[in-house]
Amino acid sequence: MREVNLVALDLNLLPALDALLKRRNVSQAAHDVGLSQPAMSRALARLREVLGDTLLVRVPGGGYAMTPRAEALGQRLGLTLDHVRSVFQEPVFDPAKVERTIRIAGADTHTILMAPTLMARLAKEAPGISIRIEAYTPDLVTRMETGALDLAFAVSTTQLPPGARSETYAYDRLVLVLRKGHKLANRKWKIEDYGKVSHVGISILGDNQSDLDAQLAQASVHRRIALTTPHFIAALAAVAATDMATTISRVFAQRFASDFNLVLKDPPLPNLDLDLTVVWSHVRAADPVLAWLRTVIREVARETMDLKRPRTP
């Protein structure tokens, strides 16, 4: 059996062959595939040459009969063309049939506030999808571009690397948190007050960089960080037991204010926005599973992590 060189073949001959075998008529087959009759006649000649078979034989009274080779081809050709078409068609996506672990960089705020509702949704709609929340690390961009991470939670002020995609999912604001009974809990803060108490700082990447400290520096205010932690819930617990303060997500702080006996205050800062965004690499932009999951996360975030942005008068 001789080996067929697919590179040398004109695959446009396959629809013509399919039409010829179905119609057994050159004119009708030409109409089916949008060719002129002379072009279809040339296609038939080329097919006979490539396949080494007459394929269609004229019979008395007009028309054509198929050779045994043509009959055998006709039984397989329809299925073959369906397979070829499927290569160029968008795959049918059914989340209920997906078996996959999605890795997301996030903090305890996302896990505590979103995970219960998110997992309840997935249990009903996509039980084969598992979620793995992973820590932020300095090589976050590399992990996303190599596929080690699928998504990452961020805030609207996060600087994105070239090619990264993001979408804002929920509206949030910074809030100043103190324990009830704190000496500064019952008065309106000035920005200078940040330098009068010790603070709990949140370090996501293990560094000391903070948008809050950058805002304070512009006002020539320095705050003392007495405790640094990667966990927002630990910051609230520490504030509840001391005279320290912390400045974190209002949505998260509101969730535990009653449990920890806390007071929430608007910080005297020029920028309080802390909108939740989800980031993904352009490498995964066409992934149907991630596109579907981002839609679910967006709906869950707006249910569990959204302050409901006030309307502009």
C-alpha atoms as a PDB file:
ATOM      1  CA  MET A   1       0.000   0.000   0.000  1.00  0.00           C
ATOM      2  CA  ARG A   2       1.498   3.325  -1.064  1.00  0.00           C
ATOM      3  CA  GLU A   3       1.725   6.097   1.494  1.00  0.00           C
ATOM      4  CA  VAL A   4      -0.317   9.218   0.741  1.00  0.00           C
ATOM      5  CA  ASN A   5       1.461  12.563   1.029  1.00  0.00           C
ATOM      6  CA  LEU A   6      -1.169  14.821   2.613  1.00  0.00           C
ATOM      7  CA  VAL A   7       0.938  17.936   2.028  1.00  0.00           C
ATOM      8  CA  ALA A   8       0.687  17.387  -1.729  1.00  0.00           C
ATOM      9  CA  LEU A   9      -3.093  16.838  -1.654  1.00  0.00           C
ATOM     10  CA  ASP A  10      -5.698  19.494  -2.327  1.00  0.00           C
ATOM     11  CA  LEU A  11      -8.176  18.925   0.505  1.00  0.00           C
ATOM     12  CA  ASN A  12     -10.683  21.099  -1.353  1.00  0.00           C
ATOM     13  CA  LEU A  13     -11.259  18.004  -3.484  1.00  0.00           C
ATOM     14  CA  LEU A  14     -13.003  16.249  -0.582  1.00  0.00           C
ATOM     15  CA  PRO A  15     -16.241  18.312  -0.636  1.00  0.00           C
ATOM     16  CA  ALA A  16     -16.310  17.938  -4.419  1.00  0.00           C
ATOM     17  CA  LEU A  17     -15.890  14.165  -4.122  1.00  0.00           C
ATOM     18  CA  ASP A  18     -18.640  14.010  -1.494  1.00  0.00           C
ATOM     19  CA  ALA A  19     -21.054  15.923  -3.729  1.00  0.00           C
ATOM     20  CA  LEU A  20     -20.182  13.827  -6.804  1.00  0.00           C
ATOM     21  CA  LEU A  21     -20.767  10.545  -4.986  1.00  0.00           C
ATOM     22  CA  LYS A  22     -24.068  11.757  -3.537  1.00  0.00           C
ATOM     23  CA  ARG A  23     -25.423  13.288  -6.724  1.00  0.00           C
ATOM     24  CA  ARG A  24     -23.740  11.114  -9.391  1.00  0.00           C
ATOM     25  CA  ASN A  25     -24.231  14.164 -11.573  1.00  0.00           C
ATOM     26  CA  VAL A  26     -21.531  16.721 -12.387  1.00  0.00           C
ATOM     27  CA  SER A  27     -23.879  19.684 -12.814  1.00  0.00           C
ATOM     28  CA  GLN A  28     -25.803  19.061  -9.607  1.00  0.00           C
ATOM     29  CA  ALA A  29     -22.632  18.378  -7.626  1.00  0.00           C
ATOM     30  CA  ALA A  30     -21.126  21.634  -8.951  1.00  0.00           C
ATOM     31  CA  HIS A  31     -24.191  23.548  -7.725  1.00  0.00           C
ATOM     32  CA  ASP A  32     -23.965  21.946  -4.264  1.00  0.00           C
ATOM     33  CA  VAL A  33     -20.411  23.119  -3.646  1.00  0.00           C
ATOM     34  CA  GLY A  34     -20.586  26.414  -5.519  1.00  0.00           C
ATOM     35  CA  LEU A  35     -18.419  25.500  -8.504  1.00  0.00           C
ATOM     36  CA  SER A  36     -18.993  25.918 -12.217  1.00  0.00           C
ATOM     37  CA  GLN A  37     -19.620  22.750 -14.218  1.00  0.00           C
ATOM     38  CA  PRO A  38     -16.214  22.964 -15.971  1.00  0.00           C
ATOM     39  CA  ALA A  39     -14.515  23.388 -12.571  1.00  0.00           C
ATOM     40  CA  MET A  40     -16.318  20.331 -11.226  1.00  0.00           C
ATOM     41  CA  SER A  41     -15.328  18.341 -14.307  1.00  0.00           C
ATOM     42  CA  ARG A  42     -11.700  19.296 -13.647  1.00  0.00           C
ATOM     43  CA  ALA A  43     -12.105  18.282 -10.013  1.00  0.00           C
ATOM     44  CA  LEU A  44     -13.439  14.885 -11.064  1.00  0.00           C
ATOM     45  CA  ALA A  45     -10.493  14.414 -13.395  1.00  0.00           C
ATOM     46  CA  ARG A  46      -8.082  15.318 -10.621  1.00  0.00           C
ATOM     47  CA  LEU A  47      -9.802  12.919  -8.194  1.00  0.00           C
ATOM     48  CA  ARG A  48      -9.548  10.079 -10.702  1.00  0.00           C
ATOM     49  CA  GLU A  49      -5.843  10.804 -11.060  1.00  0.00           C
ATOM     50  CA  VAL A  50      -5.170  11.028  -7.322  1.00  0.00           C
ATOM     51  CA  LEU A  51      -7.221   7.960  -6.374  1.00  0.00           C
ATOM     52  CA  GLY A  52      -6.307   5.880  -9.394  1.00  0.00           C
ATOM     53  CA  ASP A  53      -9.943   4.976 -10.018  1.00  0.00           C
ATOM     54  CA  THR A  54     -12.653   6.053 -12.445  1.00  0.00           C
ATOM     55  CA  LEU A  55     -15.065   6.598  -9.554  1.00  0.00           C
ATOM     56  CA  LEU A  56     -18.089   7.391 -11.742  1.00  0.00           C
ATOM     57  CA  VAL A  57     -18.894   5.403 -14.911  1.00  0.00           C
ATOM     58  CA  ARG A  58     -21.408   6.482 -17.528  1.00  0.00           C
ATOM     59  CA  VAL A  59     -24.326   4.093 -17.932  1.00  0.00           C
ATOM     60  CA  PRO A  60     -26.755   3.618 -20.855  1.00  0.00           C
ATOM     61  CA  GLY A  61     -29.597   6.098 -20.721  1.00  0.00           C
ATOM     62  CA  GLY A  62     -27.467   8.815 -19.076  1.00  0.00           C
ATOM     63  CA  GLY A  63     -26.145   9.344 -15.611  1.00  0.00           C
ATOM     64  CA  TYR A  64     -23.335   7.651 -13.738  1.00  0.00           C
ATOM     65  CA  ALA A  65     -22.803   4.542 -11.644  1.00  0.00           C
ATOM     66  CA  MET A  66     -20.241   4.331  -8.837  1.00  0.00           C
ATOM     67  CA  THR A  67     -17.324   1.970  -9.021  1.00  0.00           C
ATOM     68  CA  PRO A  68     -16.712  -0.364  -6.038  1.00  0.00           C
ATOM     69  CA  ARG A  69     -13.984   2.030  -4.866  1.00  0.00           C
ATOM     70  CA  ALA A  70     -16.402   4.965  -5.012  1.00  0.00           C
ATOM     71  CA  GLU A  71     -19.032   3.026  -3.041  1.00  0.00           C
ATOM     72  CA  ALA A  72     -16.480   2.251  -0.335  1.00  0.00           C
ATOM     73  CA  LEU A  73     -15.388   5.897  -0.223  1.00  0.00           C
ATOM     74  CA  GLY A  74     -18.979   7.109  -0.013  1.00  0.00           C
ATOM     75  CA  GLN A  75     -19.571   5.110   3.160  1.00  0.00           C
ATOM     76  CA  ARG A  76     -16.624   6.780   4.927  1.00  0.00           C
ATOM     77  CA  LEU A  77     -16.424  10.224   3.377  1.00  0.00           C
ATOM     78  CA  GLY A  78     -19.323  11.854   5.234  1.00  0.00           C
ATOM     79  CA  LEU A  79     -17.896  10.909   8.626  1.00  0.00           C
ATOM     80  CA  THR A  80     -14.411  11.997   7.542  1.00  0.00           C
ATOM     81  CA  LEU A  81     -15.663  15.437   6.507  1.00  0.00           C
ATOM     82  CA  ASP A  82     -17.505  15.792   9.817  1.00  0.00           C
ATOM     83  CA  HIS A  83     -14.234  15.131  11.645  1.00  0.00           C
ATOM     84  CA  VAL A  84     -12.385  17.666   9.488  1.00  0.00           C
ATOM     85  CA  ARG A  85     -15.077  20.309  10.097  1.00  0.00           C
ATOM     86  CA  SER A  86     -14.898  19.706  13.830  1.00  0.00           C
ATOM     87  CA  VAL A  87     -11.228  20.737  13.807  1.00  0.00           C
ATOM     88  CA  PHE A  88     -12.265  24.246  12.778  1.00  0.00           C
ATOM     89  CA  GLN A  89     -15.391  24.547  14.921  1.00  0.00           C
ATOM     90  CA  GLU A  90     -15.615  25.865  18.465  1.00  0.00           C
ATOM     91  CA  PRO A  91     -15.823  22.855  20.803  1.00  0.00           C
ATOM     92  CA  VAL A  92     -19.127  22.375  22.558  1.00  0.00           C
ATOM     93  CA  PHE A  93     -18.499  23.312  26.181  1.00  0.00           C
ATOM     94  CA  ASP A  94     -20.433  21.647  28.978  1.00  0.00           C
ATOM     95  CA  PRO A  95     -19.200  22.690  32.457  1.00  0.00           C
ATOM     96  CA  ALA A  96     -20.926  19.681  33.999  1.00  0.00           C
ATOM     97  CA  LYS A  97     -18.509  17.375  32.136  1.00  0.00           C
ATOM     98  CA  VAL A  98     -15.259  19.212  32.933  1.00  0.00           C
ATOM     99  CA  GLU A  99     -12.723  17.473  35.177  1.00  0.00           C
ATOM    100  CA  ARG A 100     -10.077  20.024  36.118  1.00  0.00           C
ATOM    101  CA  THR A 101      -8.317  21.856  38.952  1.00  0.00           C
ATOM    102  CA  ILE A 102      -8.245  25.645  38.598  1.00  0.00           C
ATOM    103  CA  ARG A 103      -5.390  27.386  40.425  1.00  0.00           C
ATOM    104  CA  ILE A 104      -6.018  30.941  41.604  1.00  0.00           C
ATOM    105  CA  ALA A 105      -3.677  33.291  43.451  1.00  0.00           C
ATOM    106  CA  GLY A 106      -5.625  34.822  46.309  1.00  0.00           C
ATOM    107  CA  ALA A 107      -5.687  35.848  49.964  1.00  0.00           C
ATOM    108  CA  ASP A 108      -7.785  34.761  52.910  1.00  0.00           C
ATOM    109  CA  THR A 109     -10.268  37.546  52.087  1.00  0.00           C
ATOM    110  CA  HIS A 110     -11.195  35.796  48.850  1.00  0.00           C
ATOM    111  CA  THR A 111     -11.257  32.338  50.398  1.00  0.00           C
ATOM    112  CA  ILE A 112     -13.385  33.354  53.378  1.00  0.00           C
ATOM    113  CA  LEU A 113     -15.850  35.596  51.575  1.00  0.00           C
ATOM    114  CA  MET A 114     -16.172  33.913  48.185  1.00  0.00           C
ATOM    115  CA  ALA A 115     -15.266  30.245  48.513  1.00  0.00           C
ATOM    116  CA  PRO A 116     -18.462  29.041  50.254  1.00  0.00           C
ATOM    117  CA  THR A 117     -20.780  30.529  47.617  1.00  0.00           C
ATOM    118  CA  LEU A 118     -18.449  29.676  44.743  1.00  0.00           C
ATOM    119  CA  MET A 119     -18.109  26.039  45.747  1.00  0.00           C
ATOM    120  CA  ALA A 120     -21.871  25.715  46.240  1.00  0.00           C
ATOM    121  CA  ARG A 121     -22.341  26.940  42.648  1.00  0.00           C
ATOM    122  CA  LEU A 122     -19.704  24.574  41.289  1.00  0.00           C
ATOM    123  CA  ALA A 123     -21.201  21.610  43.152  1.00  0.00           C
ATOM    124  CA  LYS A 124     -24.408  22.132  41.177  1.00  0.00           C
ATOM    125  CA  GLU A 125     -23.093  23.298  37.811  1.00  0.00           C
ATOM    126  CA  ALA A 126     -19.571  21.878  37.459  1.00  0.00           C
ATOM    127  CA  PRO A 127     -18.884  19.231  40.135  1.00  0.00           C
ATOM    128  CA  GLY A 128     -15.692  18.117  38.375  1.00  0.00           C
ATOM    129  CA  ILE A 129     -14.010  21.509  38.779  1.00  0.00           C
ATOM    130  CA  SER A 130     -11.812  21.882  41.847  1.00  0.00           C
ATOM    131  CA  ILE A 131     -10.447  25.220  43.068  1.00  0.00           C
ATOM    132  CA  ARG A 132      -6.966  25.612  44.519  1.00  0.00           C
ATOM    133  CA  ILE A 133      -6.258  28.997  46.129  1.00  0.00           C
ATOM    134  CA  GLU A 134      -2.495  29.582  46.171  1.00  0.00           C
ATOM    135  CA  ALA A 135      -0.312  32.216  47.798  1.00  0.00           C
ATOM    136  CA  TYR A 136       0.998  35.264  45.991  1.00  0.00           C
ATOM    137  CA  THR A 137       4.705  35.012  45.239  1.00  0.00           C
ATOM    138  CA  PRO A 138       7.214  37.360  43.516  1.00  0.00           C
ATOM    139  CA  ASP A 139       7.189  35.093  40.432  1.00  0.00           C
ATOM    140  CA  LEU A 140       3.421  35.477  40.012  1.00  0.00           C
ATOM    141  CA  VAL A 141       3.665  36.658  36.387  1.00  0.00           C
ATOM    142  CA  THR A 142       5.885  33.745  35.398  1.00  0.00           C
ATOM    143  CA  ARG A 143       3.527  31.274  37.080  1.00  0.00           C
ATOM    144  CA  MET A 144       0.595  32.639  35.102  1.00  0.00           C
ATOM    145  CA  GLU A 145       2.371  32.711  31.747  1.00  0.00           C
ATOM    146  CA  THR A 146       3.654  29.154  32.150  1.00  0.00           C
ATOM    147  CA  GLY A 147       0.264  27.803  33.196  1.00  0.00           C
ATOM    148  CA  ALA A 148       1.193  27.116  36.817  1.00  0.00           C
ATOM    149  CA  LEU A 149      -1.577  29.587  37.732  1.00  0.00           C
ATOM    150  CA  ASP A 150      -4.841  30.142  35.880  1.00  0.00           C
ATOM    151  CA  LEU A 151      -6.157  33.316  37.521  1.00  0.00           C
ATOM    152  CA  ALA A 152      -5.199  35.846  40.178  1.00  0.00           C
ATOM    153  CA  PHE A 153      -7.242  38.153  42.365  1.00  0.00           C
ATOM    154  CA  ALA A 154      -5.950  41.723  42.463  1.00  0.00           C
ATOM    155  CA  VAL A 155      -7.117  45.277  43.087  1.00  0.00           C
ATOM    156  CA  SER A 156      -7.777  47.994  40.546  1.00  0.00           C
ATOM    157  CA  THR A 157      -4.469  49.739  41.304  1.00  0.00           C
ATOM    158  CA  THR A 158      -2.371  46.631  40.588  1.00  0.00           C
ATOM    159  CA  GLN A 159       0.068  47.223  37.727  1.00  0.00           C
ATOM    160  CA  LEU A 160      -0.387  44.516  35.114  1.00  0.00           C
ATOM    161  CA  PRO A 161       2.428  43.066  32.993  1.00  0.00           C
ATOM    162  CA  PRO A 162       2.274  43.433  29.185  1.00  0.00           C
ATOM    163  CA  GLY A 163      -0.367  41.175  27.649  1.00  0.00           C
ATOM    164  CA  ALA A 164      -2.253  40.480  30.891  1.00  0.00           C
ATOM    165  CA  ARG A 165      -6.047  40.774  30.896  1.00  0.00           C
ATOM    166  CA  SER A 166      -8.179  41.945  33.801  1.00  0.00           C
ATOM    167  CA  GLU A 167     -11.767  42.747  34.688  1.00  0.00           C
ATOM    168  CA  THR A 168     -13.249  44.499  37.708  1.00  0.00           C
ATOM    169  CA  TYR A 169     -15.728  42.264  39.538  1.00  0.00           C
ATOM    170  CA  ALA A 170     -16.649  44.109  42.743  1.00  0.00           C
ATOM    171  CA  TYR A 171     -16.538  47.567  44.309  1.00  0.00           C
ATOM    172  CA  ASP A 172     -14.666  47.951  47.599  1.00  0.00           C
ATOM    173  CA  ARG A 173     -13.064  50.693  49.699  1.00  0.00           C
ATOM    174  CA  LEU A 174     -10.354  50.971  52.322  1.00  0.00           C
ATOM    175  CA  VAL A 175     -11.507  51.256  55.916  1.00  0.00           C
ATOM    176  CA  LEU A 176      -9.658  52.124  59.120  1.00  0.00           C
ATOM    177  CA  VAL A 177     -10.223  49.505  61.824  1.00  0.00           C
ATOM    178  CA  LEU A 178      -9.872  49.975  65.603  1.00  0.00           C
ATOM    179  CA  ARG A 179     -11.182  48.098  68.600  1.00  0.00           C
ATOM    180  CA  LYS A 180     -14.154  49.515  70.427  1.00  0.00           C
ATOM    181  CA  GLY A 181     -12.846  51.519  73.380  1.00  0.00           C
ATOM    182  CA  HIS A 182      -9.716  52.666  71.526  1.00  0.00           C
ATOM    183  CA  LYS A 183      -8.788  56.219  72.557  1.00  0.00           C
ATOM    184  CA  LEU A 184      -9.051  57.396  68.935  1.00  0.00           C
ATOM    185  CA  ALA A 185     -12.142  55.386  68.028  1.00  0.00           C
ATOM    186  CA  ASN A 186     -14.730  58.086  68.648  1.00  0.00           C
ATOM    187  CA  ARG A 187     -13.275  61.044  66.778  1.00  0.00           C
ATOM    188  CA  LYS A 188     -12.733  61.881  63.155  1.00  0.00           C
ATOM    189  CA  TRP A 189      -9.209  61.030  62.110  1.00  0.00           C
ATOM    190  CA  LYS A 190      -6.779  63.379  60.443  1.00  0.00           C
ATOM    191  CA  ILE A 191      -4.020  61.930  58.302  1.00  0.00           C
ATOM    192  CA  GLU A 192      -1.505  62.888  61.012  1.00  0.00           C
ATOM    193  CA  ASP A 193      -3.210  60.420  63.367  1.00  0.00           C
ATOM    194  CA  TYR A 194      -1.691  57.571  61.379  1.00  0.00           C
ATOM    195  CA  GLY A 195       1.620  58.443  62.998  1.00  0.00           C
ATOM    196  CA  LYS A 196       0.214  58.364  66.544  1.00  0.00           C
ATOM    197  CA  VAL A 197      -0.609  54.641  66.854  1.00  0.00           C
ATOM    198  CA  SER A 198       0.977  51.344  65.934  1.00  0.00           C
ATOM    199  CA  HIS A 199      -0.414  49.466  62.963  1.00  0.00           C
ATOM    200  CA  VAL A 200      -0.898  45.965  61.597  1.00  0.00           C
ATOM    201  CA  GLY A 201       0.385  45.803  58.043  1.00  0.00           C
ATOM    202  CA  ILE A 202      -0.560  43.265  55.374  1.00  0.00           C
ATOM    203  CA  SER A 203       2.302  41.893  53.302  1.00  0.00           C
ATOM    204  CA  ILE A 204       1.050  39.794  50.395  1.00  0.00           C
ATOM    205  CA  LEU A 205       4.358  39.302  48.564  1.00  0.00           C
ATOM    206  CA  GLY A 206       6.602  39.321  51.623  1.00  0.00           C
ATOM    207  CA  ASP A 207       7.786  42.881  51.014  1.00  0.00           C
ATOM    208  CA  ASN A 208       7.068  46.189  52.755  1.00  0.00           C
ATOM    209  CA  GLN A 209       5.591  47.998  49.771  1.00  0.00           C
ATOM    210  CA  SER A 210       2.162  49.528  50.314  1.00  0.00           C
ATOM    211  CA  ASP A 211      -0.075  51.952  48.408  1.00  0.00           C
ATOM    212  CA  LEU A 212      -1.238  53.224  51.801  1.00  0.00           C
ATOM    213  CA  ASP A 213       2.299  54.109  52.898  1.00  0.00           C
ATOM    214  CA  ALA A 214       2.867  55.846  49.571  1.00  0.00           C
ATOM    215  CA  GLN A 215      -0.188  58.042  50.253  1.00  0.00           C
ATOM    216  CA  LEU A 216       1.019  58.773  53.776  1.00  0.00           C
ATOM    217  CA  ALA A 217       4.490  59.651  52.511  1.00  0.00           C
ATOM    218  CA  GLN A 218       2.993  62.306  50.250  1.00  0.00           C
ATOM    219  CA  ALA A 219       1.608  63.942  53.409  1.00  0.00           C
ATOM    220  CA  SER A 220       4.965  63.474  55.214  1.00  0.00           C
ATOM    221  CA  VAL A 221       3.384  60.993  57.629  1.00  0.00           C
ATOM    222  CA  HIS A 222       5.102  57.822  58.759  1.00  0.00           C
ATOM    223  CA  ARG A 223       3.261  55.003  60.507  1.00  0.00           C
ATOM    224  CA  ARG A 224       4.890  52.379  62.725  1.00  0.00           C
ATOM    225  CA  ILE A 225       4.153  48.823  61.626  1.00  0.00           C
ATOM    226  CA  ALA A 226       4.216  46.750  64.801  1.00  0.00           C
ATOM    227  CA  LEU A 227       2.891  43.552  63.195  1.00  0.00           C
ATOM    228  CA  THR A 228       3.168  42.360  59.604  1.00  0.00           C
ATOM    229  CA  THR A 229       1.089  39.412  58.426  1.00  0.00           C
ATOM    230  CA  PRO A 230      -0.106  37.966  55.101  1.00  0.00           C
ATOM    231  CA  HIS A 231      -3.510  37.207  56.663  1.00  0.00           C
ATOM    232  CA  PHE A 232      -6.281  39.791  56.863  1.00  0.00           C
ATOM    233  CA  ILE A 233      -8.206  37.822  59.485  1.00  0.00           C
ATOM    234  CA  ALA A 234      -5.087  37.839  61.691  1.00  0.00           C
ATOM    235  CA  ALA A 235      -4.899  41.618  61.339  1.00  0.00           C
ATOM    236  CA  LEU A 236      -8.464  41.985  62.631  1.00  0.00           C
ATOM    237  CA  ALA A 237      -7.832  39.604  65.504  1.00  0.00           C
ATOM    238  CA  ALA A 238      -4.703  41.524  66.525  1.00  0.00           C
ATOM    239  CA  VAL A 239      -6.471  44.888  66.364  1.00  0.00           C
ATOM    240  CA  ALA A 240      -9.327  43.522  68.478  1.00  0.00           C
ATOM    241  CA  ALA A 241      -6.909  42.625  71.289  1.00  0.00           C
ATOM    242  CA  THR A 242      -4.633  45.711  71.251  1.00  0.00           C
ATOM    243  CA  ASP A 243      -4.487  49.449  70.633  1.00  0.00           C
ATOM    244  CA  MET A 244      -3.142  48.871  67.128  1.00  0.00           C
ATOM    245  CA  ALA A 245      -5.004  49.907  63.970  1.00  0.00           C
ATOM    246  CA  THR A 246      -5.193  48.449  60.495  1.00  0.00           C
ATOM    247  CA  THR A 247      -6.471  49.684  57.136  1.00  0.00           C
ATOM    248  CA  ILE A 248      -7.991  46.986  54.953  1.00  0.00           C
ATOM    249  CA  SER A 249     -10.979  46.029  52.800  1.00  0.00           C
ATOM    250  CA  ARG A 250     -14.245  47.480  54.104  1.00  0.00           C
ATOM    251  CA  VAL A 251     -16.202  44.462  52.817  1.00  0.00           C
ATOM    252  CA  PHE A 252     -13.992  42.087  54.769  1.00  0.00           C
ATOM    253  CA  ALA A 253     -13.881  44.216  57.920  1.00  0.00           C
ATOM    254  CA  GLN A 254     -17.674  44.600  57.932  1.00  0.00           C
ATOM    255  CA  ARG A 255     -18.021  40.830  57.840  1.00  0.00           C
ATOM    256  CA  PHE A 256     -16.149  40.458  61.161  1.00  0.00           C
ATOM    257  CA  ALA A 257     -16.733  43.810  62.897  1.00  0.00           C
ATOM    258  CA  SER A 258     -19.366  42.396  65.227  1.00  0.00           C
ATOM    259  CA  ASP A 259     -17.443  39.176  65.933  1.00  0.00           C
ATOM    260  CA  PHE A 260     -14.290  41.073  66.915  1.00  0.00           C
ATOM    261  CA  ASN A 261     -16.024  44.105  68.495  1.00  0.00           C
ATOM    262  CA  LEU A 262     -14.462  46.558  66.054  1.00  0.00           C
ATOM    263  CA  VAL A 263     -15.057  50.145  64.959  1.00  0.00           C
ATOM    264  CA  LEU A 264     -14.811  50.998  61.259  1.00  0.00           C
ATOM    265  CA  LYS A 265     -13.892  54.523  60.164  1.00  0.00           C
ATOM    266  CA  ASP A 266     -13.355  56.262  56.824  1.00  0.00           C
ATOM    267  CA  PRO A 267      -9.598  56.840  56.512  1.00  0.00           C
ATOM    268  CA  PRO A 268      -8.395  60.422  55.892  1.00  0.00           C
ATOM    269  CA  LEU A 269      -6.744  59.373  52.630  1.00  0.00           C
ATOM    270  CA  PRO A 270      -6.981  60.818  49.108  1.00  0.00           C
ATOM    271  CA  ASN A 271      -7.662  57.441  47.485  1.00  0.00           C
ATOM    272  CA  LEU A 272      -9.874  54.831  49.126  1.00  0.00           C
ATOM    273  CA  ASP A 273     -10.698  52.670  46.076  1.00  0.00           C
ATOM    274  CA  LEU A 274      -9.977  48.972  46.449  1.00  0.00           C
ATOM    275  CA  ASP A 275     -12.019  47.421  43.659  1.00  0.00           C
ATOM    276  CA  LEU A 276     -11.615  43.669  43.211  1.00  0.00           C
ATOM    277  CA  THR A 277     -10.284  42.570  39.820  1.00  0.00           C
ATOM    278  CA  VAL A 278      -9.478  39.189  38.337  1.00  0.00           C
ATOM    279  CA  VAL A 279      -6.346  38.863  36.204  1.00  0.00           C
ATOM    280  CA  TRP A 280      -5.407  36.231  33.644  1.00  0.00           C
ATOM    281  CA  SER A 281      -2.701  35.791  31.040  1.00  0.00           C
ATOM    282  CA  HIS A 282      -3.322  36.357  27.337  1.00  0.00           C
ATOM    283  CA  VAL A 283      -2.037  32.792  26.924  1.00  0.00           C
ATOM    284  CA  ARG A 284      -5.288  31.526  28.534  1.00  0.00           C
ATOM    285  CA  ALA A 285      -7.620  34.121  27.016  1.00  0.00           C
ATOM    286  CA  ALA A 286      -9.360  31.594  24.734  1.00  0.00           C
ATOM    287  CA  ASP A 287      -9.753  28.866  27.364  1.00  0.00           C
ATOM    288  CA  PRO A 288     -13.530  28.134  27.506  1.00  0.00           C
ATOM    289  CA  VAL A 289     -13.336  26.669  31.017  1.00  0.00           C
ATOM    290  CA  LEU A 290     -11.665  29.774  32.427  1.00  0.00           C
ATOM    291  CA  ALA A 291     -14.026  32.071  30.517  1.00  0.00           C
ATOM    292  CA  TRP A 292     -17.014  30.271  32.042  1.00  0.00           C
ATOM    293  CA  LEU A 293     -15.467  30.232  35.520  1.00  0.00           C
ATOM    294  CA  ARG A 294     -14.698  33.960  35.353  1.00  0.00           C
ATOM    295  CA  THR A 295     -18.382  34.582  34.714  1.00  0.00           C
ATOM    296  CA  VAL A 296     -19.308  32.538  37.771  1.00  0.00           C
ATOM    297  CA  ILE A 297     -16.666  34.294  39.913  1.00  0.00           C
ATOM    298  CA  ARG A 298     -17.958  37.679  38.738  1.00  0.00           C
ATOM    299  CA  GLU A 299     -21.489  36.786  39.857  1.00  0.00           C
ATOM    300  CA  VAL A 300     -20.279  35.380  43.178  1.00  0.00           C
ATOM    301  CA  ALA A 301     -18.017  38.403  43.818  1.00  0.00           C
ATOM    302  CA  ARG A 302     -20.869  40.828  43.265  1.00  0.00           C
ATOM    303  CA  GLU A 303     -22.952  38.829  45.704  1.00  0.00           C
ATOM    304  CA  THR A 304     -20.341  38.434  48.450  1.00  0.00           C
ATOM    305  CA  MET A 305     -17.635  41.112  48.011  1.00  0.00           C
ATOM    306  CA  ASP A 306     -19.394  44.157  46.568  1.00  0.00           C
ATOM    307  CA  LEU A 307     -20.226  47.318  48.524  1.00  0.00           C
ATOM    308  CA  LYS A 308     -22.644  48.385  45.779  1.00  0.00           C
ATOM    309  CA  ARG A 309     -21.022  51.455  44.276  1.00  0.00           C
ATOM    310  CA  PRO A 310     -22.977  54.610  45.169  1.00  0.00           C
ATOM    311  CA  ARG A 311     -24.752  56.276  42.295  1.00  0.00           C
ATOM    312  CA  THR A 312     -23.367  59.573  41.014  1.00  0.00           C
ATOM    313  CA  PRO A 313     -25.920  62.357  41.538  1.00  0.00           C
END
